[in-house]
């Protein structure tokens, strides 16, 4: 950011390894297309300005690894993931409001 006596930068900082450059560039290109910017240096500057939240959450795919869990004795532990959606969110609110210990408090 422009300022006196020298330019300064405020906010979170992410550090990427040199081998992650292509993944970061690919994400910048994806965001540039999504926001309708060109994929040149000027477009990337706009991506940094407009899509800062998405870039802050970006994790290079090479960093993602499936977790491997083991007990202290070295025995494997089963790991699972689940994704679910509410078919009727209003019914869920009614069901959660029914027990007195789960009353809506705003």
PDB file of N, CA and C in Angstrom:
ATOM      1  N   UNK A   1       0.841  -1.171   0.000  1.00  0.00           N
ATOM      2  CA  UNK A   1       0.000   0.000   0.000  1.00  0.00           C
ATOM      3  C   UNK A   1       0.885   1.231   0.000  1.00  0.00           C
ATOM      4  N   UNK A   2       0.478   2.203  -0.733  1.00  0.00           N
ATOM      5  CA  UNK A   2       1.255   3.436  -0.778  1.00  0.00           C
ATOM      6  C   UNK A   2       1.184   4.120   0.580  1.00  0.00           C
ATOM      7  N   UNK A   3       2.261   4.715   0.972  1.00  0.00           N
ATOM      8  CA  UNK A   3       2.270   5.401   2.257  1.00  0.00           C
ATOM      9  C   UNK A   3       3.589   6.088   2.494  1.00  0.00           C
ATOM     10  N   UNK A   4       3.640   6.838   3.554  1.00  0.00           N
ATOM     11  CA  UNK A   4       4.861   7.563   3.915  1.00  0.00           C
ATOM     12  C   UNK A   4       5.471   6.940   5.143  1.00  0.00           C
ATOM     13  N   UNK A   5       6.711   6.864   5.328  1.00  0.00           N
ATOM     14  CA  UNK A   5       7.755   7.237   4.376  1.00  0.00           C
ATOM     15  C   UNK A   5       8.058   6.132   3.366  1.00  0.00           C
ATOM     16  N   UNK A   6       7.475   4.943   3.580  1.00  0.00           N
ATOM     17  CA  UNK A   6       7.735   3.840   2.649  1.00  0.00           C
ATOM     18  C   UNK A   6       6.450   3.037   2.482  1.00  0.00           C
ATOM     19  N   UNK A   7       6.371   2.286   1.398  1.00  0.00           N
ATOM     20  CA  UNK A   7       5.208   1.438   1.177  1.00  0.00           C
ATOM     21  C   UNK A   7       5.156   0.363   2.254  1.00  0.00           C
ATOM     22  N   UNK A   8       3.956  -0.050   2.640  1.00  0.00           N
ATOM     23  CA  UNK A   8       3.822  -1.076   3.669  1.00  0.00           C
ATOM     24  C   UNK A   8       2.720  -2.045   3.271  1.00  0.00           C
ATOM     25  N   UNK A   9       2.739  -3.202   3.874  1.00  0.00           N
ATOM     26  CA  UNK A   9       1.751  -4.238   3.611  1.00  0.00           C
ATOM     27  C   UNK A   9       1.185  -4.690   4.947  1.00  0.00           C
ATOM     28  N   UNK A  10      -0.137  -4.689   5.061  1.00  0.00           N
ATOM     29  CA  UNK A  10      -0.798  -5.111   6.285  1.00  0.00           C
ATOM     30  C   UNK A  10      -1.721  -6.279   5.969  1.00  0.00           C
ATOM     31  N   UNK A  11      -1.694  -7.294   6.783  1.00  0.00           N
ATOM     32  CA  UNK A  11      -2.605  -8.419   6.616  1.00  0.00           C
ATOM     33  C   UNK A  11      -1.877  -9.738   6.607  1.00  0.00           C
ATOM     34  N   UNK A  12      -2.632 -10.822   6.426  1.00  0.00           N
ATOM     35  CA  UNK A  12      -2.019 -12.151   6.438  1.00  0.00           C
ATOM     36  C   UNK A  12      -1.096 -12.346   5.238  1.00  0.00           C
ATOM     37  N   UNK A  13      -0.102 -13.161   5.439  1.00  0.00           N
ATOM     38  CA  UNK A  13       0.874 -13.447   4.394  1.00  0.00           C
ATOM     39  C   UNK A  13       0.970 -14.959   4.229  1.00  0.00           C
ATOM     40  N   UNK A  14       0.966 -15.417   2.998  1.00  0.00           N
ATOM     41  CA  UNK A  14       1.141 -16.833   2.706  1.00  0.00           C
ATOM     42  C   UNK A  14       2.471 -17.023   1.990  1.00  0.00           C
ATOM     43  N   UNK A  15       3.163 -18.076   2.325  1.00  0.00           N
ATOM     44  CA  UNK A  15       4.457 -18.362   1.718  1.00  0.00           C
ATOM     45  C   UNK A  15       4.331 -19.657   0.923  1.00  0.00           C
ATOM     46  N   UNK A  16       4.740 -19.593  -0.315  1.00  0.00           N
ATOM     47  CA  UNK A  16       4.700 -20.766  -1.192  1.00  0.00           C
ATOM     48  C   UNK A  16       6.113 -21.170  -1.572  1.00  0.00           C
ATOM     49  N   UNK A  17       6.317 -22.464  -1.725  1.00  0.00           N
ATOM     50  CA  UNK A  17       7.605 -22.981  -2.166  1.00  0.00           C
ATOM     51  C   UNK A  17       7.747 -22.766  -3.671  1.00  0.00           C
ATOM     52  N   UNK A  18       8.975 -22.670  -4.177  1.00  0.00           N
ATOM     53  CA  UNK A  18       9.166 -22.454  -5.621  1.00  0.00           C
ATOM     54  C   UNK A  18       8.464 -23.506  -6.484  1.00  0.00           C
ATOM     55  N   UNK A  19       8.407 -24.735  -6.030  1.00  0.00           N
ATOM     56  CA  UNK A  19       7.768 -25.777  -6.835  1.00  0.00           C
ATOM     57  C   UNK A  19       6.237 -25.654  -6.853  1.00  0.00           C
ATOM     58  N   UNK A  20       5.682 -24.759  -6.029  1.00  0.00           N
ATOM     59  CA  UNK A  20       4.239 -24.545  -6.014  1.00  0.00           C
ATOM     60  C   UNK A  20       3.810 -23.392  -6.924  1.00  0.00           C
ATOM     61  N   UNK A  21       4.767 -22.799  -7.616  1.00  0.00           N
ATOM     62  CA  UNK A  21       4.468 -21.643  -8.463  1.00  0.00           C
ATOM     63  C   UNK A  21       3.418 -21.964  -9.524  1.00  0.00           C
ATOM     64  N   UNK A  22       3.558 -23.095 -10.203  1.00  0.00           N
ATOM     65  CA  UNK A  22       2.615 -23.432 -11.269  1.00  0.00           C
ATOM     66  C   UNK A  22       1.202 -23.618 -10.732  1.00  0.00           C
ATOM     67  N   UNK A  23       1.080 -24.167  -9.520  1.00  0.00           N
ATOM     68  CA  UNK A  23      -0.245 -24.341  -8.922  1.00  0.00           C
ATOM     69  C   UNK A  23      -0.868 -22.988  -8.572  1.00  0.00           C
ATOM     70  N   UNK A  24      -0.054 -22.069  -8.076  1.00  0.00           N
ATOM     71  CA  UNK A  24      -0.541 -20.732  -7.751  1.00  0.00           C
ATOM     72  C   UNK A  24      -0.940 -19.983  -9.026  1.00  0.00           C
ATOM     73  N   UNK A  25      -0.142 -20.080 -10.059  1.00  0.00           N
ATOM     74  CA  UNK A  25      -0.461 -19.429 -11.333  1.00  0.00           C
ATOM     75  C   UNK A  25      -1.758 -20.001 -11.904  1.00  0.00           C
ATOM     76  N   UNK A  26      -1.931 -21.314 -11.804  1.00  0.00           N
ATOM     77  CA  UNK A  26      -3.167 -21.937 -12.292  1.00  0.00           C
ATOM     78  C   UNK A  26      -4.377 -21.419 -11.511  1.00  0.00           C
ATOM     79  N   UNK A  27      -4.231 -21.229 -10.202  1.00  0.00           N
ATOM     80  CA  UNK A  27      -5.328 -20.681  -9.403  1.00  0.00           C
ATOM     81  C   UNK A  27      -5.611 -19.232  -9.777  1.00  0.00           C
ATOM     82  N   UNK A  28      -4.565 -18.451 -10.006  1.00  0.00           N
ATOM     83  CA  UNK A  28      -4.752 -17.066 -10.452  1.00  0.00           C
ATOM     84  C   UNK A  28      -5.481 -17.010 -11.788  1.00  0.00           C
ATOM     85  N   UNK A  29      -5.113 -17.901 -12.707  1.00  0.00           N
ATOM     86  CA  UNK A  29      -5.791 -17.949 -14.009  1.00  0.00           C
ATOM     87  C   UNK A  29      -7.251 -18.341 -13.843  1.00  0.00           C
ATOM     88  N   UNK A  30      -7.512 -19.317 -12.977  1.00  0.00           N
ATOM     89  CA  UNK A  30      -8.896 -19.748 -12.742  1.00  0.00           C
ATOM     90  C   UNK A  30      -9.729 -18.595 -12.193  1.00  0.00           C
ATOM     91  N   UNK A  31      -9.188 -17.865 -11.226  1.00  0.00           N
ATOM     92  CA  UNK A  31      -9.914 -16.739 -10.640  1.00  0.00           C
ATOM     93  C   UNK A  31     -10.071 -15.588 -11.633  1.00  0.00           C
ATOM     94  N   UNK A  32      -9.046 -15.363 -12.456  1.00  0.00           N
ATOM     95  CA  UNK A  32      -9.143 -14.307 -13.469  1.00  0.00           C
ATOM     96  C   UNK A  32     -10.292 -14.596 -14.421  1.00  0.00           C
ATOM     97  N   UNK A  33     -10.412 -15.827 -14.872  1.00  0.00           N
ATOM     98  CA  UNK A  33     -11.506 -16.208 -15.770  1.00  0.00           C
ATOM     99  C   UNK A  33     -12.843 -16.094 -15.041  1.00  0.00           C
ATOM    100  N   UNK A  34     -12.898 -16.552 -13.783  1.00  0.00           N
ATOM    101  CA  UNK A  34     -14.152 -16.511 -13.019  1.00  0.00           C
ATOM    102  C   UNK A  34     -14.650 -15.082 -12.813  1.00  0.00           C
ATOM    103  N   UNK A  35     -13.734 -14.134 -12.632  1.00  0.00           N
ATOM    104  CA  UNK A  35     -14.113 -12.742 -12.406  1.00  0.00           C
ATOM    105  C   UNK A  35     -14.106 -11.904 -13.689  1.00  0.00           C
ATOM    106  N   UNK A  36     -13.775 -12.517 -14.815  1.00  0.00           N
ATOM    107  CA  UNK A  36     -13.815 -11.810 -16.094  1.00  0.00           C
ATOM    108  C   UNK A  36     -12.619 -10.909 -16.357  1.00  0.00           C
ATOM    109  N   UNK A  37     -11.475 -11.207 -15.738  1.00  0.00           N
ATOM    110  CA  UNK A  37     -10.262 -10.426 -15.965  1.00  0.00           C
ATOM    111  C   UNK A  37      -9.387 -11.133 -16.992  1.00  0.00           C
ATOM    112  N   UNK A  38      -8.456 -10.375 -17.558  1.00  0.00           N
ATOM    113  CA  UNK A  38      -7.510 -10.991 -18.488  1.00  0.00           C
ATOM    114  C   UNK A  38      -6.494 -11.806 -17.688  1.00  0.00           C
ATOM    115  N   UNK A  39      -5.828 -12.722 -18.394  1.00  0.00           N
ATOM    116  CA  UNK A  39      -4.848 -13.567 -17.714  1.00  0.00           C
ATOM    117  C   UNK A  39      -3.434 -13.018 -17.880  1.00  0.00           C
ATOM    118  N   UNK A  40      -3.312 -11.707 -17.947  1.00  0.00           N
ATOM    119  CA  UNK A  40      -1.994 -11.088 -18.007  1.00  0.00           C
ATOM    120  C   UNK A  40      -1.675 -10.467 -16.646  1.00  0.00           C
ATOM    121  N   UNK A  41      -0.584  -9.745 -16.571  1.00  0.00           N
ATOM    122  CA  UNK A  41      -0.138  -9.167 -15.297  1.00  0.00           C
ATOM    123  C   UNK A  41      -1.183  -8.214 -14.699  1.00  0.00           C
ATOM    124  N   UNK A  42      -1.833  -7.411 -15.542  1.00  0.00           N
ATOM    125  CA  UNK A  42      -2.855  -6.476 -15.055  1.00  0.00           C
ATOM    126  C   UNK A  42      -4.056  -7.231 -14.508  1.00  0.00           C
ATOM    127  N   UNK A  43      -4.446  -8.287 -15.196  1.00  0.00           N
ATOM    128  CA  UNK A  43      -5.571  -9.105 -14.719  1.00  0.00           C
ATOM    129  C   UNK A  43      -5.265  -9.768 -13.392  1.00  0.00           C
ATOM    130  N   UNK A  44      -4.029 -10.256 -13.258  1.00  0.00           N
ATOM    131  CA  UNK A  44      -3.621 -10.884 -11.994  1.00  0.00           C
ATOM    132  C   UNK A  44      -3.623  -9.872 -10.855  1.00  0.00           C
ATOM    133  N   UNK A  45      -3.236  -8.630 -11.146  1.00  0.00           N
ATOM    134  CA  UNK A  45      -3.275  -7.592 -10.112  1.00  0.00           C
ATOM    135  C   UNK A  45      -4.702  -7.387  -9.626  1.00  0.00           C
ATOM    136  N   UNK A  46      -5.658  -7.422 -10.543  1.00  0.00           N
ATOM    137  CA  UNK A  46      -7.064  -7.295 -10.157  1.00  0.00           C
ATOM    138  C   UNK A  46      -7.527  -8.503  -9.348  1.00  0.00           C
ATOM    139  N   UNK A  47      -7.042  -9.688  -9.714  1.00  0.00           N
ATOM    140  CA  UNK A  47      -7.401 -10.896  -8.963  1.00  0.00           C
ATOM    141  C   UNK A  47      -6.917 -10.763  -7.521  1.00  0.00           C
ATOM    142  N   UNK A  48      -5.676 -10.287  -7.337  1.00  0.00           N
ATOM    143  CA  UNK A  48      -5.157 -10.108  -5.981  1.00  0.00           C
ATOM    144  C   UNK A  48      -6.034  -9.134  -5.193  1.00  0.00           C
ATOM    145  N   UNK A  49      -6.557  -8.128  -5.862  1.00  0.00           N
ATOM    146  CA  UNK A  49      -7.360  -7.115  -5.178  1.00  0.00           C
ATOM    147  C   UNK A  49      -8.772  -7.618  -4.895  1.00  0.00           C
ATOM    148  N   UNK A  50      -9.409  -8.219  -5.888  1.00  0.00           N
ATOM    149  CA  UNK A  50     -10.812  -8.612  -5.792  1.00  0.00           C
ATOM    150  C   UNK A  50     -11.002  -9.965  -5.098  1.00  0.00           C
ATOM    151  N   UNK A  51     -10.125 -10.921  -5.367  1.00  0.00           N
ATOM    152  CA  UNK A  51     -10.306 -12.290  -4.863  1.00  0.00           C
ATOM    153  C   UNK A  51      -9.338 -12.623  -3.733  1.00  0.00           C
ATOM    154  N   UNK A  52      -9.048 -11.661  -2.887  1.00  0.00           N
ATOM    155  CA  UNK A  52      -8.074 -11.896  -1.820  1.00  0.00           C
ATOM    156  C   UNK A  52      -8.538 -12.981  -0.856  1.00  0.00           C
ATOM    157  N   UNK A  53      -9.837 -13.062  -0.588  1.00  0.00           N
ATOM    158  CA  UNK A  53     -10.336 -14.092   0.333  1.00  0.00           C
ATOM    159  C   UNK A  53     -10.105 -15.489  -0.243  1.00  0.00           C
ATOM    160  N   UNK A  54     -10.405 -15.662  -1.525  1.00  0.00           N
ATOM    161  CA  UNK A  54     -10.182 -16.970  -2.148  1.00  0.00           C
ATOM    162  C   UNK A  54      -8.701 -17.337  -2.138  1.00  0.00           C
ATOM    163  N   UNK A  55      -7.841 -16.351  -2.401  1.00  0.00           N
ATOM    164  CA  UNK A  55      -6.409 -16.629  -2.406  1.00  0.00           C
ATOM    165  C   UNK A  55      -5.891 -16.932  -1.004  1.00  0.00           C
ATOM    166  N   UNK A  56      -6.466 -16.304   0.003  1.00  0.00           N
ATOM    167  CA  UNK A  56      -6.046 -16.569   1.374  1.00  0.00           C
ATOM    168  C   UNK A  56      -6.364 -18.002   1.760  1.00  0.00           C
ATOM    169  N   UNK A  57      -7.439 -18.541   1.215  1.00  0.00           N
ATOM    170  CA  UNK A  57      -7.848 -19.918   1.534  1.00  0.00           C
ATOM    171  C   UNK A  57      -7.229 -20.956   0.604  1.00  0.00           C
ATOM    172  N   UNK A  58      -6.517 -20.520  -0.410  1.00  0.00           N
ATOM    173  CA  UNK A  58      -5.962 -21.449  -1.394  1.00  0.00           C
ATOM    174  C   UNK A  58      -4.845 -22.289  -0.787  1.00  0.00           C
ATOM    175  N   UNK A  59      -4.957 -23.585  -0.937  1.00  0.00           N
ATOM    176  CA  UNK A  59      -3.911 -24.521  -0.537  1.00  0.00           C
ATOM    177  C   UNK A  59      -3.492 -25.271  -1.794  1.00  0.00           C
ATOM    178  N   UNK A  60      -2.212 -25.201  -2.160  1.00  0.00           N
ATOM    179  CA  UNK A  60      -1.781 -25.902  -3.366  1.00  0.00           C
ATOM    180  C   UNK A  60      -2.112 -27.393  -3.282  1.00  0.00           C
ATOM    181  N   UNK A  61      -2.614 -27.963  -4.371  1.00  0.00           N
ATOM    182  CA  UNK A  61      -2.966 -29.384  -4.362  1.00  0.00           C
ATOM    183  C   UNK A  61      -1.817 -30.295  -3.928  1.00  0.00           C
ATOM    184  N   UNK A  62      -0.583 -29.887  -4.200  1.00  0.00           N
ATOM    185  CA  UNK A  62       0.548 -30.738  -3.803  1.00  0.00           C
ATOM    186  C   UNK A  62       0.694 -30.828  -2.285  1.00  0.00           C
ATOM    187  N   UNK A  63       0.125 -29.877  -1.537  1.00  0.00           N
ATOM    188  CA  UNK A  63       0.182 -29.936  -0.074  1.00  0.00           C
ATOM    189  C   UNK A  63      -0.885 -30.843   0.524  1.00  0.00           C
ATOM    190  N   UNK A  64      -1.898 -31.136  -0.267  1.00  0.00           N
ATOM    191  CA  UNK A  64      -2.984 -31.959   0.246  1.00  0.00           C
ATOM    192  C   UNK A  64      -2.582 -33.425   0.202  1.00  0.00           C
ATOM    193  N   UNK A  65      -2.661 -34.053   1.328  1.00  0.00           N
ATOM    194  CA  UNK A  65      -2.358 -35.482   1.408  1.00  0.00           C
ATOM    195  C   UNK A  65      -3.410 -36.125   2.290  1.00  0.00           C
ATOM    196  N   UNK A  66      -3.808 -37.333   1.945  1.00  0.00           N
ATOM    197  CA  UNK A  66      -4.753 -38.044   2.790  1.00  0.00           C
ATOM    198  C   UNK A  66      -4.099 -38.345   4.127  1.00  0.00           C
ATOM    199  N   UNK A  67      -4.809 -38.073   5.216  1.00  0.00           N
ATOM    200  CA  UNK A  67      -4.214 -38.350   6.524  1.00  0.00           C
ATOM    201  C   UNK A  67      -4.015 -39.839   6.737  1.00  0.00           C
ATOM    202  N   UNK A  68      -3.004 -40.159   7.471  1.00  0.00           N
ATOM    203  CA  UNK A  68      -2.698 -41.541   7.809  1.00  0.00           C
ATOM    204  C   UNK A  68      -2.592 -41.628   9.323  1.00  0.00           C
ATOM    205  N   UNK A  69      -3.563 -42.292   9.946  1.00  0.00           N
ATOM    206  CA  UNK A  69      -3.626 -42.334  11.398  1.00  0.00           C
ATOM    207  C   UNK A  69      -3.140 -43.675  11.924  1.00  0.00           C
ATOM    208  N   UNK A  70      -2.400 -43.626  13.036  1.00  0.00           N
ATOM    209  CA  UNK A  70      -1.901 -44.825  13.679  1.00  0.00           C
ATOM    210  C   UNK A  70      -1.990 -44.655  15.190  1.00  0.00           C
ATOM    211  N   UNK A  71      -2.154 -45.767  15.891  1.00  0.00           N
ATOM    212  CA  UNK A  71      -2.125 -45.727  17.347  1.00  0.00           C
ATOM    213  C   UNK A  71      -0.679 -45.576  17.804  1.00  0.00           C
ATOM    214  N   UNK A  72      -0.497 -45.388  19.091  1.00  0.00           N
ATOM    215  CA  UNK A  72       0.860 -45.280  19.634  1.00  0.00           C
ATOM    216  C   UNK A  72       1.660 -46.554  19.388  1.00  0.00           C
ATOM    217  N   UNK A  73       0.961 -47.677  19.269  1.00  0.00           N
ATOM    218  CA  UNK A  73       1.637 -48.957  19.014  1.00  0.00           C
ATOM    219  C   UNK A  73       1.916 -49.185  17.536  1.00  0.00           C
ATOM    220  N   UNK A  74       1.435 -48.295  16.666  1.00  0.00           N
ATOM    221  CA  UNK A  74       1.679 -48.429  15.239  1.00  0.00           C
ATOM    222  C   UNK A  74       0.576 -49.126  14.472  1.00  0.00           C
ATOM    223  N   UNK A  75      -0.532 -49.449  15.136  1.00  0.00           N
ATOM    224  CA  UNK A  75      -1.656 -50.092  14.454  1.00  0.00           C
ATOM    225  C   UNK A  75      -2.448 -49.040  13.678  1.00  0.00           C
ATOM    226  N   UNK A  76      -2.890 -49.371  12.451  1.00  0.00           N
ATOM    227  CA  UNK A  76      -3.637 -48.389  11.659  1.00  0.00           C
ATOM    228  C   UNK A  76      -5.023 -48.123  12.257  1.00  0.00           C
ATOM    229  N   UNK A  77      -5.496 -46.906  12.075  1.00  0.00           N
ATOM    230  CA  UNK A  77      -6.823 -46.507  12.513  1.00  0.00           C
ATOM    231  C   UNK A  77      -7.620 -46.146  11.267  1.00  0.00           C
ATOM    232  N   UNK A  78      -8.875 -46.503  11.236  1.00  0.00           N
ATOM    233  CA  UNK A  78      -9.729 -46.209  10.095  1.00  0.00           C
ATOM    234  C   UNK A  78     -10.121 -44.732  10.128  1.00  0.00           C
ATOM    235  N   UNK A  79     -10.063 -44.100   8.976  1.00  0.00           N
ATOM    236  CA  UNK A  79     -10.467 -42.703   8.831  1.00  0.00           C
ATOM    237  C   UNK A  79     -11.537 -42.630   7.748  1.00  0.00           C
ATOM    238  N   UNK A  80     -12.562 -41.815   7.973  1.00  0.00           N
ATOM    239  CA  UNK A  80     -13.637 -41.681   6.986  1.00  0.00           C
ATOM    240  C   UNK A  80     -14.105 -40.240   6.931  1.00  0.00           C
ATOM    241  N   UNK A  81     -14.733 -39.891   5.831  1.00  0.00           N
ATOM    242  CA  UNK A  81     -15.316 -38.564   5.654  1.00  0.00           C
ATOM    243  C   UNK A  81     -16.758 -38.730   5.216  1.00  0.00           C
ATOM    244  N   UNK A  82     -17.571 -37.761   5.580  1.00  0.00           N
ATOM    245  CA  UNK A  82     -18.972 -37.786   5.161  1.00  0.00           C
ATOM    246  C   UNK A  82     -19.406 -36.373   4.796  1.00  0.00           C
ATOM    247  N   UNK A  83     -20.271 -36.277   3.819  1.00  0.00           N
ATOM    248  CA  UNK A  83     -20.862 -35.013   3.409  1.00  0.00           C
ATOM    249  C   UNK A  83     -22.366 -35.219   3.393  1.00  0.00           C
ATOM    250  N   UNK A  84     -23.099 -34.268   3.955  1.00  0.00           N
ATOM    251  CA  UNK A  84     -24.547 -34.396   3.964  1.00  0.00           C
ATOM    252  C   UNK A  84     -25.184 -33.038   3.772  1.00  0.00           C
ATOM    253  N   UNK A  85     -26.445 -33.075   3.337  1.00  0.00           N
ATOM    254  CA  UNK A  85     -27.228 -31.852   3.127  1.00  0.00           C
ATOM    255  C   UNK A  85     -28.597 -32.051   3.756  1.00  0.00           C
ATOM    256  N   UNK A  86     -29.184 -30.954   4.162  1.00  0.00           N
ATOM    257  CA  UNK A  86     -30.545 -31.006   4.688  1.00  0.00           C
ATOM    258  C   UNK A  86     -31.530 -30.885   3.533  1.00  0.00           C
ATOM    259  N   UNK A  87     -32.421 -31.852   3.435  1.00  0.00           N
ATOM    260  CA  UNK A  87     -33.445 -31.779   2.396  1.00  0.00           C
ATOM    261  C   UNK A  87     -34.478 -30.714   2.743  1.00  0.00           C
ATOM    262  N   UNK A  88     -34.745 -30.533   4.045  1.00  0.00           N
ATOM    263  CA  UNK A  88     -35.731 -29.549   4.490  1.00  0.00           C
ATOM    264  C   UNK A  88     -35.166 -28.803   5.701  1.00  0.00           C
ATOM    265  N   UNK A  89     -34.424 -27.708   5.478  1.00  0.00           N
ATOM    266  CA  UNK A  89     -33.824 -26.970   6.595  1.00  0.00           C
ATOM    267  C   UNK A  89     -34.842 -26.467   7.612  1.00  0.00           C
ATOM    268  N   UNK A  90     -36.046 -26.103   7.158  1.00  0.00           N
ATOM    269  CA  UNK A  90     -37.069 -25.626   8.087  1.00  0.00           C
ATOM    270  C   UNK A  90     -37.487 -26.724   9.059  1.00  0.00           C
ATOM    271  N   UNK A  91     -37.604 -27.949   8.570  1.00  0.00           N
ATOM    272  CA  UNK A  91     -37.960 -29.071   9.442  1.00  0.00           C
ATOM    273  C   UNK A  91     -36.850 -29.335  10.458  1.00  0.00           C
ATOM    274  N   UNK A  92     -35.603 -29.128  10.056  1.00  0.00           N
ATOM    275  CA  UNK A  92     -34.488 -29.316  10.983  1.00  0.00           C
ATOM    276  C   UNK A  92     -34.532 -28.287  12.103  1.00  0.00           C
ATOM    277  N   UNK A  93     -34.869 -27.043  11.771  1.00  0.00           N
ATOM    278  CA  UNK A  93     -34.993 -25.996  12.801  1.00  0.00           C
ATOM    279  C   UNK A  93     -36.096 -26.363  13.781  1.00  0.00           C
ATOM    280  N   UNK A  94     -37.235 -26.841  13.279  1.00  0.00           N
ATOM    281  CA  UNK A  94     -38.338 -27.241  14.148  1.00  0.00           C
ATOM    282  C   UNK A  94     -37.904 -28.401  15.041  1.00  0.00           C
ATOM    283  N   UNK A  95     -37.210 -29.385  14.467  1.00  0.00           N
ATOM    284  CA  UNK A  95     -36.764 -30.541  15.255  1.00  0.00           C
ATOM    285  C   UNK A  95     -35.762 -30.129  16.323  1.00  0.00           C
ATOM    286  N   UNK A  96     -34.875 -29.206  16.019  1.00  0.00           N
ATOM    287  CA  UNK A  96     -33.885 -28.771  17.001  1.00  0.00           C
ATOM    288  C   UNK A  96     -34.497 -27.847  18.050  1.00  0.00           C
ATOM    289  N   UNK A  97     -35.585 -27.180  17.711  1.00  0.00           N
ATOM    290  CA  UNK A  97     -36.248 -26.303  18.681  1.00  0.00           C
ATOM    291  C   UNK A  97     -37.161 -27.065  19.635  1.00  0.00           C
ATOM    292  N   UNK A  98     -37.500 -28.305  19.306  1.00  0.00           N
ATOM    293  CA  UNK A  98     -38.447 -29.070  20.107  1.00  0.00           C
ATOM    294  C   UNK A  98     -37.928 -29.393  21.511  1.00  0.00           C
ATOM    295  N   UNK A  99     -36.735 -29.970  21.679  1.00  0.00           N
ATOM    296  CA  UNK A  99     -36.260 -30.251  23.042  1.00  0.00           C
ATOM    297  C   UNK A  99     -36.013 -28.945  23.806  1.00  0.00           C
ATOM    298  N   UNK A 100     -36.405 -28.883  25.079  1.00  0.00           N
ATOM    299  CA  UNK A 100     -36.245 -27.632  25.824  1.00  0.00           C
ATOM    300  C   UNK A 100     -34.789 -27.198  25.995  1.00  0.00           C
ATOM    301  N   UNK A 101     -33.850 -28.136  25.999  1.00  0.00           N
ATOM    302  CA  UNK A 101     -32.446 -27.746  26.175  1.00  0.00           C
ATOM    303  C   UNK A 101     -31.819 -27.177  24.898  1.00  0.00           C
ATOM    304  N   UNK A 102     -32.545 -27.213  23.791  1.00  0.00           N
ATOM    305  CA  UNK A 102     -32.031 -26.687  22.536  1.00  0.00           C
ATOM    306  C   UNK A 102     -32.896 -25.532  22.034  1.00  0.00           C
ATOM    307  N   UNK A 103     -33.409 -24.733  22.931  1.00  0.00           N
ATOM    308  CA  UNK A 103     -34.256 -23.621  22.528  1.00  0.00           C
ATOM    309  C   UNK A 103     -33.476 -22.585  21.737  1.00  0.00           C
ATOM    310  N   UNK A 104     -34.148 -21.937  20.810  1.00  0.00           N
ATOM    311  CA  UNK A 104     -33.542 -20.896  19.981  1.00  0.00           C
ATOM    312  C   UNK A 104     -33.226 -19.684  20.852  1.00  0.00           C
ATOM    313  N   UNK A 105     -31.983 -19.224  20.764  1.00  0.00           N
ATOM    314  CA  UNK A 105     -31.580 -18.061  21.548  1.00  0.00           C
ATOM    315  C   UNK A 105     -31.128 -16.922  20.644  1.00  0.00           C
ATOM    316  N   UNK A 106     -31.433 -17.024  19.384  1.00  0.00           N
ATOM    317  CA  UNK A 106     -31.061 -15.951  18.459  1.00  0.00           C
ATOM    318  C   UNK A 106     -29.815 -16.296  17.752  1.00  0.00           C
TER     319      UNK A 106
END
